[in-house]
Amino acid sequence: MSRDRSLVFDKKLFTNIYWEIQDFFGDNGKRFLWVYGGSGSSKTYSTVQAVIVNMLNSKDFNCLVLRKYASDLRDTIYSSYRDWE
């Protein structure tokens, strides 16, 4: 993944799972990421943060977000990305 710019953030802005997700994105040998946990465990929030930061850092970064039920996408994932506008 080519980096066009490097953004620096205060580590306190991110949850612990965010750093695990960033480690995943940095490992080219991994292809799939399953994030699991209880309700309110910041799965969606941390994933959205990591994807947005990586998209800002690299013009070559892209991501496909899937859920078990497509009807859940609008209520969770889409609204999380929309809230970052």
Protein backbone atom coordinates (compact mmCIF):
# COMPACT_ATOMS: atom_id res chain seq x y z
CA MET A 1 0.00 0.00 0.00
CA SER A 2 1.58 3.28 -1.02
CA ARG A 3 1.35 6.13 1.43
CA ASP A 4 0.77 9.59 0.04
CA ARG A 5 0.75 11.42 3.34
CA SER A 6 1.06 10.57 6.97
CA LEU A 7 -1.44 11.89 9.48
CA VAL A 8 -0.51 11.96 13.14
CA PHE A 9 -3.21 11.66 15.81
CA ASP A 10 -3.21 11.60 19.59
CA LYS A 11 -3.41 7.92 20.62
CA LYS A 12 -6.08 8.77 23.19
CA LEU A 13 -8.55 9.45 20.35
CA PHE A 14 -8.71 5.74 19.49
CA THR A 15 -9.87 2.58 21.22
CA ASN A 16 -7.68 -0.49 21.71
CA ILE A 17 -9.48 -2.34 18.94
CA TYR A 18 -8.60 0.48 16.53
CA TRP A 19 -4.90 -0.34 16.95
CA GLU A 20 -5.59 -4.04 16.33
CA ILE A 21 -7.43 -3.13 13.12
CA GLN A 22 -4.56 -0.86 12.04
CA ASP A 23 -2.11 -3.75 12.61
CA PHE A 24 -4.30 -5.87 10.34
CA PHE A 25 -4.26 -3.23 7.60
CA GLY A 26 -0.47 -3.07 7.84
CA ASP A 27 -0.07 -6.82 7.29
CA ASN A 28 -0.26 -7.54 3.55
CA GLY A 29 -0.39 -11.28 4.24
CA LYS A 30 -3.88 -11.00 5.74
CA ARG A 31 -6.92 -10.69 3.54
CA PHE A 32 -10.00 -10.85 5.77
CA LEU A 33 -10.85 -9.26 9.09
CA TRP A 34 -13.65 -10.40 11.37
CA VAL A 35 -14.43 -8.03 14.20
CA TYR A 36 -16.57 -9.42 16.98
CA GLY A 37 -17.67 -8.43 20.44
CA GLY A 38 -20.68 -7.47 22.46
CA SER A 39 -23.08 -4.64 21.84
CA GLY A 40 -21.36 -1.30 22.42
CA SER A 41 -17.84 -2.72 22.16
CA SER A 42 -16.89 -0.11 19.51
CA LYS A 43 -16.58 -2.62 16.65
CA THR A 44 -18.23 -0.38 14.06
CA TYR A 45 -16.82 2.87 15.42
CA SER A 46 -13.22 1.62 15.52
CA THR A 47 -13.46 0.01 12.09
CA VAL A 48 -14.86 3.20 10.56
CA GLN A 49 -12.06 5.23 12.17
CA ALA A 50 -9.39 2.88 10.80
CA VAL A 51 -10.84 2.82 7.29
CA ILE A 52 -11.18 6.61 7.12
CA VAL A 53 -7.63 7.20 8.43
CA ASN A 54 -6.24 4.72 5.90
CA MET A 55 -8.23 6.29 3.07
CA LEU A 56 -6.86 9.71 4.02
CA ASN A 57 -3.30 8.35 4.14
CA SER A 58 -3.30 6.43 0.87
CA LYS A 59 -4.84 6.97 -2.53
CA ASP A 60 -4.65 3.21 -3.18
CA PHE A 61 -6.64 2.15 -0.10
CA ASN A 62 -10.13 0.77 -0.63
CA CYS A 63 -12.45 -1.28 1.49
CA LEU A 64 -15.54 -3.46 1.15
CA VAL A 65 -17.78 -3.66 4.21
CA LEU A 66 -20.09 -6.65 4.58
CA ARG A 67 -22.59 -7.74 7.18
CA LYS A 68 -24.49 -10.97 7.59
CA TYR A 69 -27.75 -9.20 6.79
CA ALA A 70 -27.69 -6.43 4.19
CA SER A 71 -30.60 -4.64 5.87
CA ASP A 72 -28.28 -3.92 8.81
CA LEU A 73 -25.85 -1.92 6.65
CA ARG A 74 -27.96 1.22 6.42
CA ASP A 75 -28.68 1.29 10.15
CA THR A 76 -25.10 0.70 11.29
CA ILE A 77 -22.23 0.98 8.83
CA TYR A 78 -23.68 3.57 6.45
CA SER A 79 -24.85 5.81 9.28
CA SER A 80 -21.42 5.59 10.96
CA TYR A 81 -19.66 6.77 7.80
CA ARG A 82 -22.29 9.45 7.18
CA ASP A 83 -21.76 10.82 10.71
CA TRP A 84 -18.11 11.55 9.86
CA GLU A 85 -19.11 14.13 7.21
